[in-house]
């Protein structure tokens, strides 16, 4: 009898406790609506945003951790939210500009830049196949004329070697994942790319120095002069086969000097200094946006410069008889000087 009475009492107590719990839960639910889970689209439900966020915290707490409802409603945006860690860029949850940069880098620059390089390469190959090396109209005379000093050639070949190193490693960084990584494998390609990156970064300043020195050496010889317009109108005699009188440098070489080497070279160098975070003489905040713009400028200018350099290298080596002699030995044959730079040759013989 006692056992049955105690069981009844315990059942009544449990029922009363359960009833009180359910009643308090219903009362709480009526006072505060349950907030739904975040939506799969990435933008949270409006109930997550306080109606008056400035009133959530008072005093030192409000100063140390200010409320910012945009962190809930606009995660896919560039406005910077508050973070307490040193890296303030972490306040942007999803950088919209970064997505745009990725599309430009992997789309416009990679695709159209690849087409430009391919057109330049196969165009030069077709020209050599059809026309071959441009020969002199008269036999070599054996008379040598000094064209470049030893220092001129040292600067030129140092610039050329550094450019080839930068072009090779830069193209691997931009395109290597499409053809090198499937062959080498991810781990080996990653290590190889790190070596290429270090070569690229440390060679860049040397290339810039060579551009500046070469500019100081030859800027006065690349000023517009007599014969330049005629050279452009006849495309340098490419189709007629007749050599157009030119000074120390012809019109095509002047375009390469001013636009290809100087403008594009310094543009590549300046943007590369930003990417390496070594810009001298001025204060720059190396933020993500700054780096993305610098990367777009660097890649675009480098591809255009490489395409122009292909033509310069071709004409200066196998594309024209005797053209490499000036930078190889410092001297050119008198026949070559008269045919390709007649105004300069006549000036020397006055």
C-alpha atoms as a PDB file:
ATOM      1  CA  UNK A   1       0.000   0.000   0.000  1.00  0.00           C
ATOM      2  CA  UNK A   2       2.821   2.393   0.935  1.00  0.00           C
ATOM      3  CA  UNK A   3       4.712   1.497  -2.269  1.00  0.00           C
ATOM      4  CA  UNK A   4       1.708   2.202  -4.462  1.00  0.00           C
ATOM      5  CA  UNK A   5       1.082   5.522  -2.678  1.00  0.00           C
ATOM      6  CA  UNK A   6       4.693   6.664  -3.191  1.00  0.00           C
ATOM      7  CA  UNK A   7       4.529   5.765  -6.894  1.00  0.00           C
ATOM      8  CA  UNK A   8       1.390   7.863  -7.265  1.00  0.00           C
ATOM      9  CA  UNK A   9       3.066  10.838  -5.508  1.00  0.00           C
ATOM     10  CA  UNK A  10       6.154  10.600  -7.783  1.00  0.00           C
ATOM     11  CA  UNK A  11       3.978  10.413 -10.904  1.00  0.00           C
ATOM     12  CA  UNK A  12       2.044  13.483  -9.789  1.00  0.00           C
ATOM     13  CA  UNK A  13       5.287  15.446  -9.122  1.00  0.00           C
ATOM     14  CA  UNK A  14       6.728  14.548 -12.544  1.00  0.00           C
ATOM     15  CA  UNK A  15       3.492  15.471 -14.290  1.00  0.00           C
ATOM     16  CA  UNK A  16       3.374  18.792 -12.468  1.00  0.00           C
ATOM     17  CA  UNK A  17       7.012  19.562 -13.367  1.00  0.00           C
ATOM     18  CA  UNK A  18       6.468  18.666 -17.018  1.00  0.00           C
ATOM     19  CA  UNK A  19       3.342  20.817 -17.137  1.00  0.00           C
ATOM     20  CA  UNK A  20       5.202  23.806 -15.655  1.00  0.00           C
ATOM     21  CA  UNK A  21       8.031  23.372 -18.156  1.00  0.00           C
ATOM     22  CA  UNK A  22       5.663  23.291 -21.114  1.00  0.00           C
ATOM     23  CA  UNK A  23       3.757  26.293 -19.801  1.00  0.00           C
ATOM     24  CA  UNK A  24       6.919  28.365 -19.342  1.00  0.00           C
ATOM     25  CA  UNK A  25       8.132  27.396 -22.837  1.00  0.00           C
ATOM     26  CA  UNK A  26       4.853  28.450 -24.409  1.00  0.00           C
ATOM     27  CA  UNK A  27       4.949  31.726 -22.527  1.00  0.00           C
ATOM     28  CA  UNK A  28       8.573  32.412 -23.682  1.00  0.00           C
ATOM     29  CA  UNK A  29       7.697  31.558 -27.270  1.00  0.00           C
ATOM     30  CA  UNK A  30       4.848  34.024 -27.230  1.00  0.00           C
ATOM     31  CA  UNK A  31       7.187  36.792 -26.039  1.00  0.00           C
ATOM     32  CA  UNK A  32      10.147  36.071 -28.401  1.00  0.00           C
ATOM     33  CA  UNK A  33       9.718  34.651 -31.904  1.00  0.00           C
ATOM     34  CA  UNK A  34      12.204  31.936 -32.887  1.00  0.00           C
ATOM     35  CA  UNK A  35      14.789  33.178 -35.416  1.00  0.00           C
ATOM     36  CA  UNK A  36      15.030  30.951 -38.514  1.00  0.00           C
ATOM     37  CA  UNK A  37      18.276  29.464 -39.754  1.00  0.00           C
ATOM     38  CA  UNK A  38      20.390  31.457 -42.246  1.00  0.00           C
ATOM     39  CA  UNK A  39      19.271  31.152 -45.847  1.00  0.00           C
ATOM     40  CA  UNK A  40      21.391  29.084 -48.242  1.00  0.00           C
ATOM     41  CA  UNK A  41      21.866  32.131 -50.496  1.00  0.00           C
ATOM     42  CA  UNK A  42      24.330  33.623 -48.025  1.00  0.00           C
ATOM     43  CA  UNK A  43      22.121  36.552 -46.950  1.00  0.00           C
ATOM     44  CA  UNK A  44      20.697  36.043 -43.477  1.00  0.00           C
ATOM     45  CA  UNK A  45      17.079  36.435 -42.512  1.00  0.00           C
ATOM     46  CA  UNK A  46      16.044  39.992 -41.539  1.00  0.00           C
ATOM     47  CA  UNK A  47      15.240  38.806 -38.024  1.00  0.00           C
ATOM     48  CA  UNK A  48      18.975  38.394 -37.459  1.00  0.00           C
ATOM     49  CA  UNK A  49      19.417  42.142 -37.812  1.00  0.00           C
ATOM     50  CA  UNK A  50      18.599  44.117 -34.655  1.00  0.00           C
ATOM     51  CA  UNK A  51      16.120  46.961 -35.101  1.00  0.00           C
ATOM     52  CA  UNK A  52      18.334  49.337 -33.175  1.00  0.00           C
ATOM     53  CA  UNK A  53      21.890  47.993 -33.243  1.00  0.00           C
ATOM     54  CA  UNK A  54      23.348  51.116 -31.628  1.00  0.00           C
ATOM     55  CA  UNK A  55      21.348  50.411 -28.489  1.00  0.00           C
ATOM     56  CA  UNK A  56      22.666  46.878 -28.058  1.00  0.00           C
ATOM     57  CA  UNK A  57      25.751  47.865 -26.129  1.00  0.00           C
ATOM     58  CA  UNK A  58      26.628  50.758 -23.885  1.00  0.00           C
ATOM     59  CA  UNK A  59      29.819  52.385 -22.656  1.00  0.00           C
ATOM     60  CA  UNK A  60      33.169  50.693 -23.234  1.00  0.00           C
ATOM     61  CA  UNK A  61      31.586  47.625 -24.781  1.00  0.00           C
ATOM     62  CA  UNK A  62      30.016  49.765 -27.516  1.00  0.00           C
ATOM     63  CA  UNK A  63      33.363  51.429 -28.240  1.00  0.00           C
ATOM     64  CA  UNK A  64      35.352  48.205 -28.255  1.00  0.00           C
ATOM     65  CA  UNK A  65      32.909  46.204 -30.383  1.00  0.00           C
ATOM     66  CA  UNK A  66      30.488  48.410 -32.328  1.00  0.00           C
ATOM     67  CA  UNK A  67      27.462  46.706 -33.799  1.00  0.00           C
ATOM     68  CA  UNK A  68      27.385  46.530 -37.592  1.00  0.00           C
ATOM     69  CA  UNK A  69      24.254  45.061 -39.173  1.00  0.00           C
ATOM     70  CA  UNK A  70      25.838  45.021 -42.653  1.00  0.00           C
ATOM     71  CA  UNK A  71      27.912  42.035 -41.612  1.00  0.00           C
ATOM     72  CA  UNK A  72      24.651  40.092 -41.557  1.00  0.00           C
ATOM     73  CA  UNK A  73      22.814  41.539 -44.542  1.00  0.00           C
ATOM     74  CA  UNK A  74      25.657  42.146 -47.028  1.00  0.00           C
ATOM     75  CA  UNK A  75      28.348  39.466 -46.710  1.00  0.00           C
ATOM     76  CA  UNK A  76      29.094  39.521 -50.433  1.00  0.00           C
ATOM     77  CA  UNK A  77      30.315  43.103 -50.515  1.00  0.00           C
ATOM     78  CA  UNK A  78      33.407  45.238 -50.311  1.00  0.00           C
ATOM     79  CA  UNK A  79      32.531  47.528 -47.337  1.00  0.00           C
ATOM     80  CA  UNK A  80      34.906  46.780 -44.497  1.00  0.00           C
ATOM     81  CA  UNK A  81      33.373  45.603 -41.235  1.00  0.00           C
ATOM     82  CA  UNK A  82      34.938  45.741 -37.805  1.00  0.00           C
ATOM     83  CA  UNK A  83      37.516  43.118 -36.780  1.00  0.00           C
ATOM     84  CA  UNK A  84      39.701  43.082 -33.692  1.00  0.00           C
ATOM     85  CA  UNK A  85      42.664  41.259 -35.292  1.00  0.00           C
ATOM     86  CA  UNK A  86      45.602  43.171 -36.852  1.00  0.00           C
ATOM     87  CA  UNK A  87      44.606  42.266 -40.417  1.00  0.00           C
ATOM     88  CA  UNK A  88      41.800  44.756 -41.026  1.00  0.00           C
ATOM     89  CA  UNK A  89      41.185  43.320 -44.502  1.00  0.00           C
ATOM     90  CA  UNK A  90      39.571  40.339 -42.798  1.00  0.00           C
ATOM     91  CA  UNK A  91      36.586  42.612 -42.160  1.00  0.00           C
ATOM     92  CA  UNK A  92      35.447  41.939 -45.735  1.00  0.00           C
ATOM     93  CA  UNK A  93      33.762  38.548 -45.677  1.00  0.00           C
ATOM     94  CA  UNK A  94      33.599  38.049 -49.452  1.00  0.00           C
ATOM     95  CA  UNK A  95      35.512  40.466 -51.640  1.00  0.00           C
ATOM     96  CA  UNK A  96      33.453  41.084 -54.750  1.00  0.00           C
ATOM     97  CA  UNK A  97      36.393  42.802 -56.464  1.00  0.00           C
ATOM     98  CA  UNK A  98      38.449  39.651 -55.946  1.00  0.00           C
ATOM     99  CA  UNK A  99      35.933  37.625 -57.918  1.00  0.00           C
ATOM    100  CA  UNK A 100      36.059  40.199 -60.718  1.00  0.00           C
ATOM    101  CA  UNK A 101      39.874  40.131 -60.688  1.00  0.00           C
ATOM    102  CA  UNK A 102      39.869  36.344 -60.984  1.00  0.00           C
ATOM    103  CA  UNK A 103      37.567  36.500 -64.008  1.00  0.00           C
ATOM    104  CA  UNK A 104      39.764  39.129 -65.679  1.00  0.00           C
ATOM    105  CA  UNK A 105      42.991  37.289 -64.902  1.00  0.00           C
ATOM    106  CA  UNK A 106      41.818  33.813 -65.918  1.00  0.00           C
ATOM    107  CA  UNK A 107      39.566  35.037 -68.700  1.00  0.00           C
ATOM    108  CA  UNK A 108      40.530  38.171 -70.584  1.00  0.00           C
ATOM    109  CA  UNK A 109      44.258  38.253 -69.827  1.00  0.00           C
ATOM    110  CA  UNK A 110      44.945  34.522 -70.040  1.00  0.00           C
ATOM    111  CA  UNK A 111      42.793  33.819 -73.100  1.00  0.00           C
ATOM    112  CA  UNK A 112      43.373  36.912 -75.232  1.00  0.00           C
ATOM    113  CA  UNK A 113      46.973  37.211 -74.055  1.00  0.00           C
ATOM    114  CA  UNK A 114      47.567  33.637 -75.141  1.00  0.00           C
ATOM    115  CA  UNK A 115      46.076  34.370 -78.561  1.00  0.00           C
ATOM    116  CA  UNK A 116      48.267  37.463 -78.931  1.00  0.00           C
ATOM    117  CA  UNK A 117      51.430  35.516 -78.128  1.00  0.00           C
ATOM    118  CA  UNK A 118      50.406  32.691 -80.459  1.00  0.00           C
ATOM    119  CA  UNK A 119      49.670  35.111 -83.331  1.00  0.00           C
ATOM    120  CA  UNK A 120      53.020  36.850 -82.819  1.00  0.00           C
ATOM    121  CA  UNK A 121      54.956  33.576 -82.705  1.00  0.00           C
ATOM    122  CA  UNK A 122      53.297  31.882 -85.671  1.00  0.00           C
ATOM    123  CA  UNK A 123      53.301  35.137 -87.641  1.00  0.00           C
ATOM    124  CA  UNK A 124      57.073  35.346 -87.260  1.00  0.00           C
ATOM    125  CA  UNK A 125      57.387  31.660 -88.130  1.00  0.00           C
ATOM    126  CA  UNK A 126      55.305  32.163 -91.267  1.00  0.00           C
ATOM    127  CA  UNK A 127      57.342  35.212 -92.290  1.00  0.00           C
ATOM    128  CA  UNK A 128      60.613  33.316 -91.919  1.00  0.00           C
ATOM    129  CA  UNK A 129      59.198  30.347 -93.829  1.00  0.00           C
ATOM    130  CA  UNK A 130      57.984  32.524 -96.721  1.00  0.00           C
ATOM    131  CA  UNK A 131      60.678  35.205 -96.963  1.00  0.00           C
ATOM    132  CA  UNK A 132      63.571  33.741 -95.006  1.00  0.00           C
ATOM    133  CA  UNK A 133      66.367  35.941 -93.700  1.00  0.00           C
ATOM    134  CA  UNK A 134      66.592  39.403 -95.268  1.00  0.00           C
ATOM    135  CA  UNK A 135      69.818  39.373 -97.265  1.00  0.00           C
ATOM    136  CA  UNK A 136      72.067  42.279 -98.190  1.00  0.00           C
ATOM    137  CA  UNK A 137      71.851  43.423-101.804  1.00  0.00           C
ATOM    138  CA  UNK A 138      75.621  43.716-102.103  1.00  0.00           C
ATOM    139  CA  UNK A 139      78.470  41.525-100.804  1.00  0.00           C
ATOM    140  CA  UNK A 140      80.086  42.292 -97.475  1.00  0.00           C
ATOM    141  CA  UNK A 141      82.868  44.812 -97.841  1.00  0.00           C
ATOM    142  CA  UNK A 142      85.021  43.652 -94.975  1.00  0.00           C
ATOM    143  CA  UNK A 143      85.200  47.216 -93.645  1.00  0.00           C
ATOM    144  CA  UNK A 144      84.039  47.382 -90.037  1.00  0.00           C
ATOM    145  CA  UNK A 145      82.284  50.358 -88.481  1.00  0.00           C
ATOM    146  CA  UNK A 146      81.934  50.695 -84.719  1.00  0.00           C
ATOM    147  CA  UNK A 147      78.311  50.834 -83.667  1.00  0.00           C
ATOM    148  CA  UNK A 148      78.161  49.968 -79.938  1.00  0.00           C
ATOM    149  CA  UNK A 149      80.688  50.217 -77.099  1.00  0.00           C
ATOM    150  CA  UNK A 150      81.472  47.385 -74.706  1.00  0.00           C
ATOM    151  CA  UNK A 151      79.364  49.037 -71.989  1.00  0.00           C
ATOM    152  CA  UNK A 152      76.422  49.421 -74.389  1.00  0.00           C
ATOM    153  CA  UNK A 153      76.558  45.738 -75.180  1.00  0.00           C
ATOM    154  CA  UNK A 154      76.927  44.743 -71.523  1.00  0.00           C
ATOM    155  CA  UNK A 155      73.786  46.659 -70.586  1.00  0.00           C
ATOM    156  CA  UNK A 156      71.879  45.301 -73.586  1.00  0.00           C
ATOM    157  CA  UNK A 157      72.752  41.649 -72.993  1.00  0.00           C
ATOM    158  CA  UNK A 158      72.098  41.928 -69.260  1.00  0.00           C
ATOM    159  CA  UNK A 159      68.699  43.408 -70.035  1.00  0.00           C
ATOM    160  CA  UNK A 160      68.048  40.712 -72.635  1.00  0.00           C
ATOM    161  CA  UNK A 161      69.011  37.870 -70.274  1.00  0.00           C
ATOM    162  CA  UNK A 162      66.906  39.261 -67.433  1.00  0.00           C
ATOM    163  CA  UNK A 163      63.958  39.767 -69.795  1.00  0.00           C
ATOM    164  CA  UNK A 164      64.126  36.163 -71.020  1.00  0.00           C
ATOM    165  CA  UNK A 165      64.238  34.917 -67.425  1.00  0.00           C
ATOM    166  CA  UNK A 166      61.253  37.082 -66.498  1.00  0.00           C
ATOM    167  CA  UNK A 167      59.281  36.089 -69.607  1.00  0.00           C
ATOM    168  CA  UNK A 168      59.928  32.370 -69.108  1.00  0.00           C
ATOM    169  CA  UNK A 169      59.042  32.313 -65.412  1.00  0.00           C
ATOM    170  CA  UNK A 170      56.138  34.731 -65.875  1.00  0.00           C
ATOM    171  CA  UNK A 171      54.547  32.593 -68.587  1.00  0.00           C
ATOM    172  CA  UNK A 172      54.926  29.534 -66.360  1.00  0.00           C
ATOM    173  CA  UNK A 173      53.213  31.358 -63.510  1.00  0.00           C
ATOM    174  CA  UNK A 174      50.361  32.414 -65.800  1.00  0.00           C
ATOM    175  CA  UNK A 175      49.971  29.332 -68.002  1.00  0.00           C
ATOM    176  CA  UNK A 176      51.909  26.561 -66.270  1.00  0.00           C
ATOM    177  CA  UNK A 177      48.883  24.994 -64.604  1.00  0.00           C
ATOM    178  CA  UNK A 178      47.421  24.230 -68.026  1.00  0.00           C
ATOM    179  CA  UNK A 179      50.336  22.248 -69.469  1.00  0.00           C
ATOM    180  CA  UNK A 180      53.112  21.775 -66.875  1.00  0.00           C
ATOM    181  CA  UNK A 181      51.105  20.701 -63.845  1.00  0.00           C
ATOM    182  CA  UNK A 182      49.374  17.732 -65.569  1.00  0.00           C
ATOM    183  CA  UNK A 183      52.807  16.452 -66.618  1.00  0.00           C
ATOM    184  CA  UNK A 184      54.758  17.134 -63.416  1.00  0.00           C
ATOM    185  CA  UNK A 185      52.048  16.566 -60.852  1.00  0.00           C
ATOM    186  CA  UNK A 186      50.776  19.011 -58.267  1.00  0.00           C
ATOM    187  CA  UNK A 187      53.550  18.657 -55.663  1.00  0.00           C
ATOM    188  CA  UNK A 188      56.473  18.848 -58.109  1.00  0.00           C
ATOM    189  CA  UNK A 189      54.835  21.678 -60.027  1.00  0.00           C
ATOM    190  CA  UNK A 190      54.257  23.640 -56.822  1.00  0.00           C
ATOM    191  CA  UNK A 191      57.929  23.381 -55.850  1.00  0.00           C
ATOM    192  CA  UNK A 192      59.048  24.241 -59.381  1.00  0.00           C
ATOM    193  CA  UNK A 193      56.710  27.232 -59.490  1.00  0.00           C
ATOM    194  CA  UNK A 194      58.102  28.507 -56.194  1.00  0.00           C
ATOM    195  CA  UNK A 195      61.589  28.482 -57.735  1.00  0.00           C
ATOM    196  CA  UNK A 196      60.236  30.332 -60.785  1.00  0.00           C
ATOM    197  CA  UNK A 197      58.559  32.882 -58.526  1.00  0.00           C
ATOM    198  CA  UNK A 198      61.797  33.599 -56.643  1.00  0.00           C
ATOM    199  CA  UNK A 199      63.749  33.932 -59.910  1.00  0.00           C
ATOM    200  CA  UNK A 200      61.050  36.273 -61.215  1.00  0.00           C
ATOM    201  CA  UNK A 201      61.027  38.448 -58.090  1.00  0.00           C
ATOM    202  CA  UNK A 202      64.797  38.812 -57.772  1.00  0.00           C
ATOM    203  CA  UNK A 203      65.431  39.341 -61.500  1.00  0.00           C
ATOM    204  CA  UNK A 204      62.852  42.121 -61.802  1.00  0.00           C
ATOM    205  CA  UNK A 205      64.907  44.906 -60.160  1.00  0.00           C
ATOM    206  CA  UNK A 206      67.928  44.055 -62.341  1.00  0.00           C
ATOM    207  CA  UNK A 207      65.737  44.365 -65.446  1.00  0.00           C
ATOM    208  CA  UNK A 208      64.484  47.759 -64.269  1.00  0.00           C
ATOM    209  CA  UNK A 209      68.013  49.051 -63.704  1.00  0.00           C
ATOM    210  CA  UNK A 210      69.012  47.949 -67.212  1.00  0.00           C
ATOM    211  CA  UNK A 211      66.019  49.751 -68.727  1.00  0.00           C
ATOM    212  CA  UNK A 212      66.924  52.997 -66.967  1.00  0.00           C
ATOM    213  CA  UNK A 213      70.610  52.785 -67.949  1.00  0.00           C
ATOM    214  CA  UNK A 214      69.822  51.836 -71.552  1.00  0.00           C
ATOM    215  CA  UNK A 215      67.345  54.706 -71.770  1.00  0.00           C
ATOM    216  CA  UNK A 216      69.990  57.185 -70.604  1.00  0.00           C
ATOM    217  CA  UNK A 217      72.465  55.801 -73.135  1.00  0.00           C
ATOM    218  CA  UNK A 218      70.253  55.895 -76.235  1.00  0.00           C
ATOM    219  CA  UNK A 219      67.335  58.268 -75.673  1.00  0.00           C
ATOM    220  CA  UNK A 220      68.996  61.021 -77.699  1.00  0.00           C
ATOM    221  CA  UNK A 221      69.524  58.655 -80.630  1.00  0.00           C
ATOM    222  CA  UNK A 222      65.859  57.624 -80.669  1.00  0.00           C
ATOM    223  CA  UNK A 223      64.364  61.083 -81.062  1.00  0.00           C
ATOM    224  CA  UNK A 224      62.118  61.518 -84.134  1.00  0.00           C
ATOM    225  CA  UNK A 225      64.177  62.462 -87.139  1.00  0.00           C
ATOM    226  CA  UNK A 226      64.548  62.494 -90.876  1.00  0.00           C
ATOM    227  CA  UNK A 227      63.405  59.366 -92.648  1.00  0.00           C
ATOM    228  CA  UNK A 228      61.127  58.062 -89.881  1.00  0.00           C
ATOM    229  CA  UNK A 229      57.857  58.951 -91.611  1.00  0.00           C
ATOM    230  CA  UNK A 230      59.037  57.450 -94.875  1.00  0.00           C
ATOM    231  CA  UNK A 231      60.021  54.304 -93.014  1.00  0.00           C
ATOM    232  CA  UNK A 232      56.524  53.974 -91.524  1.00  0.00           C
ATOM    233  CA  UNK A 233      54.746  54.663 -94.817  1.00  0.00           C
ATOM    234  CA  UNK A 234      56.705  51.908 -96.561  1.00  0.00           C
ATOM    235  CA  UNK A 235      56.584  49.531 -93.546  1.00  0.00           C
ATOM    236  CA  UNK A 236      60.350  49.552 -93.465  1.00  0.00           C
ATOM    237  CA  UNK A 237      60.554  48.253 -97.029  1.00  0.00           C
ATOM    238  CA  UNK A 238      59.127  44.911 -95.888  1.00  0.00           C
ATOM    239  CA  UNK A 239      56.940  44.403 -98.949  1.00  0.00           C
ATOM    240  CA  UNK A 240      58.853  46.392-101.565  1.00  0.00           C
ATOM    241  CA  UNK A 241      62.238  44.932-100.662  1.00  0.00           C
ATOM    242  CA  UNK A 242      63.824  48.378-100.859  1.00  0.00           C
ATOM    243  CA  UNK A 243      65.697  49.639 -97.834  1.00  0.00           C
ATOM    244  CA  UNK A 244      64.509  52.999 -96.536  1.00  0.00           C
ATOM    245  CA  UNK A 245      67.233  55.486 -95.495  1.00  0.00           C
ATOM    246  CA  UNK A 246      67.401  55.747 -91.695  1.00  0.00           C
ATOM    247  CA  UNK A 247      69.574  57.242 -89.020  1.00  0.00           C
ATOM    248  CA  UNK A 248      71.326  55.409 -86.198  1.00  0.00           C
ATOM    249  CA  UNK A 249      67.974  53.757 -85.387  1.00  0.00           C
ATOM    250  CA  UNK A 250      65.110  53.381 -87.847  1.00  0.00           C
ATOM    251  CA  UNK A 251      61.434  54.085 -87.176  1.00  0.00           C
ATOM    252  CA  UNK A 252      60.623  50.553 -86.045  1.00  0.00           C
ATOM    253  CA  UNK A 253      63.497  50.500 -83.578  1.00  0.00           C
ATOM    254  CA  UNK A 254      62.346  53.834 -82.176  1.00  0.00           C
ATOM    255  CA  UNK A 255      58.824  52.484 -81.604  1.00  0.00           C
ATOM    256  CA  UNK A 256      60.317  49.522 -79.778  1.00  0.00           C
ATOM    257  CA  UNK A 257      62.565  51.821 -77.735  1.00  0.00           C
ATOM    258  CA  UNK A 258      59.892  54.296 -76.634  1.00  0.00           C
ATOM    259  CA  UNK A 259      56.806  52.105 -76.366  1.00  0.00           C
ATOM    260  CA  UNK A 260      58.069  48.542 -76.002  1.00  0.00           C
ATOM    261  CA  UNK A 261      61.155  48.963 -73.847  1.00  0.00           C
ATOM    262  CA  UNK A 262      60.596  52.265 -72.043  1.00  0.00           C
ATOM    263  CA  UNK A 263      56.834  52.598 -71.522  1.00  0.00           C
ATOM    264  CA  UNK A 264      55.867  48.936 -71.213  1.00  0.00           C
ATOM    265  CA  UNK A 265      59.128  48.054 -69.473  1.00  0.00           C
ATOM    266  CA  UNK A 266      58.687  50.706 -66.797  1.00  0.00           C
ATOM    267  CA  UNK A 267      54.983  49.864 -66.468  1.00  0.00           C
ATOM    268  CA  UNK A 268      55.860  46.209 -65.883  1.00  0.00           C
ATOM    269  CA  UNK A 269      58.602  47.234 -63.450  1.00  0.00           C
ATOM    270  CA  UNK A 270      56.413  49.628 -61.449  1.00  0.00           C
ATOM    271  CA  UNK A 271      53.553  47.143 -61.103  1.00  0.00           C
ATOM    272  CA  UNK A 272      56.068  44.414 -60.261  1.00  0.00           C
ATOM    273  CA  UNK A 273      57.516  46.544 -57.476  1.00  0.00           C
ATOM    274  CA  UNK A 274      54.010  46.877 -56.037  1.00  0.00           C
ATOM    275  CA  UNK A 275      53.475  43.108 -56.203  1.00  0.00           C
ATOM    276  CA  UNK A 276      56.864  42.564 -54.515  1.00  0.00           C
ATOM    277  CA  UNK A 277      56.020  45.265 -51.932  1.00  0.00           C
ATOM    278  CA  UNK A 278      59.319  47.085 -52.551  1.00  0.00           C
ATOM    279  CA  UNK A 279      58.145  50.417 -53.956  1.00  0.00           C
ATOM    280  CA  UNK A 280      60.821  52.987 -52.963  1.00  0.00           C
ATOM    281  CA  UNK A 281      60.453  56.655 -52.045  1.00  0.00           C
ATOM    282  CA  UNK A 282      56.700  56.535 -51.388  1.00  0.00           C
ATOM    283  CA  UNK A 283      54.216  55.035 -48.958  1.00  0.00           C
ATOM    284  CA  UNK A 284      51.780  52.508 -50.425  1.00  0.00           C
ATOM    285  CA  UNK A 285      49.187  50.412 -48.635  1.00  0.00           C
ATOM    286  CA  UNK A 286      49.544  46.940 -50.116  1.00  0.00           C
ATOM    287  CA  UNK A 287      45.871  46.020 -49.853  1.00  0.00           C
ATOM    288  CA  UNK A 288      44.092  43.341 -51.862  1.00  0.00           C
ATOM    289  CA  UNK A 289      42.555  45.877 -54.225  1.00  0.00           C
ATOM    290  CA  UNK A 290      45.927  47.492 -54.879  1.00  0.00           C
ATOM    291  CA  UNK A 291      47.524  44.118 -55.578  1.00  0.00           C
ATOM    292  CA  UNK A 292      44.729  43.063 -57.930  1.00  0.00           C
ATOM    293  CA  UNK A 293      45.016  46.226 -60.026  1.00  0.00           C
ATOM    294  CA  UNK A 294      48.813  45.906 -60.088  1.00  0.00           C
ATOM    295  CA  UNK A 295      48.521  42.272 -61.178  1.00  0.00           C
ATOM    296  CA  UNK A 296      46.192  43.142 -64.064  1.00  0.00           C
ATOM    297  CA  UNK A 297      48.504  45.942 -65.243  1.00  0.00           C
ATOM    298  CA  UNK A 298      51.598  43.764 -64.815  1.00  0.00           C
ATOM    299  CA  UNK A 299      50.211  40.792 -66.739  1.00  0.00           C
ATOM    300  CA  UNK A 300      48.716  42.848 -69.569  1.00  0.00           C
ATOM    301  CA  UNK A 301      51.819  44.982 -70.126  1.00  0.00           C
ATOM    302  CA  UNK A 302      54.147  41.964 -69.843  1.00  0.00           C
ATOM    303  CA  UNK A 303      52.233  39.981 -72.477  1.00  0.00           C
ATOM    304  CA  UNK A 304      52.180  42.924 -74.884  1.00  0.00           C
ATOM    305  CA  UNK A 305      55.882  43.575 -74.294  1.00  0.00           C
ATOM    306  CA  UNK A 306      56.696  39.890 -74.878  1.00  0.00           C
ATOM    307  CA  UNK A 307      54.791  39.889 -78.177  1.00  0.00           C
ATOM    308  CA  UNK A 308      56.700  42.977 -79.364  1.00  0.00           C
ATOM    309  CA  UNK A 309      59.990  41.527 -78.119  1.00  0.00           C
ATOM    310  CA  UNK A 310      59.479  38.469 -80.326  1.00  0.00           C
ATOM    311  CA  UNK A 311      59.643  40.712 -83.390  1.00  0.00           C
ATOM    312  CA  UNK A 312      62.671  42.564 -82.037  1.00  0.00           C
ATOM    313  CA  UNK A 313      64.516  39.319 -81.281  1.00  0.00           C
ATOM    314  CA  UNK A 314      63.644  37.866 -84.686  1.00  0.00           C
ATOM    315  CA  UNK A 315      64.872  40.886 -86.669  1.00  0.00           C
ATOM    316  CA  UNK A 316      67.964  41.177 -84.483  1.00  0.00           C
ATOM    317  CA  UNK A 317      69.019  37.536 -84.960  1.00  0.00           C
ATOM    318  CA  UNK A 318      67.951  35.277 -87.833  1.00  0.00           C
ATOM    319  CA  UNK A 319      65.551  37.684 -89.526  1.00  0.00           C
ATOM    320  CA  UNK A 320      68.152  39.991 -91.023  1.00  0.00           C
ATOM    321  CA  UNK A 321      71.671  39.275 -92.224  1.00  0.00           C
ATOM    322  CA  UNK A 322      74.355  41.001 -90.167  1.00  0.00           C
ATOM    323  CA  UNK A 323      71.989  42.653 -87.665  1.00  0.00           C
ATOM    324  CA  UNK A 324      73.335  40.762 -84.659  1.00  0.00           C
ATOM    325  CA  UNK A 325      76.944  41.720 -85.350  1.00  0.00           C
ATOM    326  CA  UNK A 326      76.585  45.143 -83.780  1.00  0.00           C
ATOM    327  CA  UNK A 327      75.557  43.770 -80.395  1.00  0.00           C
ATOM    328  CA  UNK A 328      77.817  40.726 -80.654  1.00  0.00           C
ATOM    329  CA  UNK A 329      81.107  42.407 -81.544  1.00  0.00           C
ATOM    330  CA  UNK A 330      80.286  46.100 -81.426  1.00  0.00           C
ATOM    331  CA  UNK A 331      81.060  46.485 -85.147  1.00  0.00           C
ATOM    332  CA  UNK A 332      78.972  46.173 -88.324  1.00  0.00           C
ATOM    333  CA  UNK A 333      79.999  45.810 -91.946  1.00  0.00           C
ATOM    334  CA  UNK A 334      79.968  48.963 -94.032  1.00  0.00           C
ATOM    335  CA  UNK A 335      77.617  47.356 -96.551  1.00  0.00           C
ATOM    336  CA  UNK A 336      75.082  46.587 -93.833  1.00  0.00           C
ATOM    337  CA  UNK A 337      75.372  50.114 -92.397  1.00  0.00           C
ATOM    338  CA  UNK A 338      74.830  51.691 -95.820  1.00  0.00           C
ATOM    339  CA  UNK A 339      71.788  49.560 -96.696  1.00  0.00           C
ATOM    340  CA  UNK A 340      69.950  49.723 -93.352  1.00  0.00           C
ATOM    341  CA  UNK A 341      71.112  53.006 -91.824  1.00  0.00           C
ATOM    342  CA  UNK A 342      72.179  55.100 -94.777  1.00  0.00           C
ATOM    343  CA  UNK A 343      71.705  58.485 -93.088  1.00  0.00           C
ATOM    344  CA  UNK A 344      73.952  57.400 -90.208  1.00  0.00           C
ATOM    345  CA  UNK A 345      76.510  55.953 -92.653  1.00  0.00           C
ATOM    346  CA  UNK A 346      76.616  59.154 -94.700  1.00  0.00           C
ATOM    347  CA  UNK A 347      77.062  61.220 -91.554  1.00  0.00           C
ATOM    348  CA  UNK A 348      80.066  59.113 -90.529  1.00  0.00           C
ATOM    349  CA  UNK A 349      81.711  59.542 -93.932  1.00  0.00           C
ATOM    350  CA  UNK A 350      81.371  63.288 -94.196  1.00  0.00           C
END
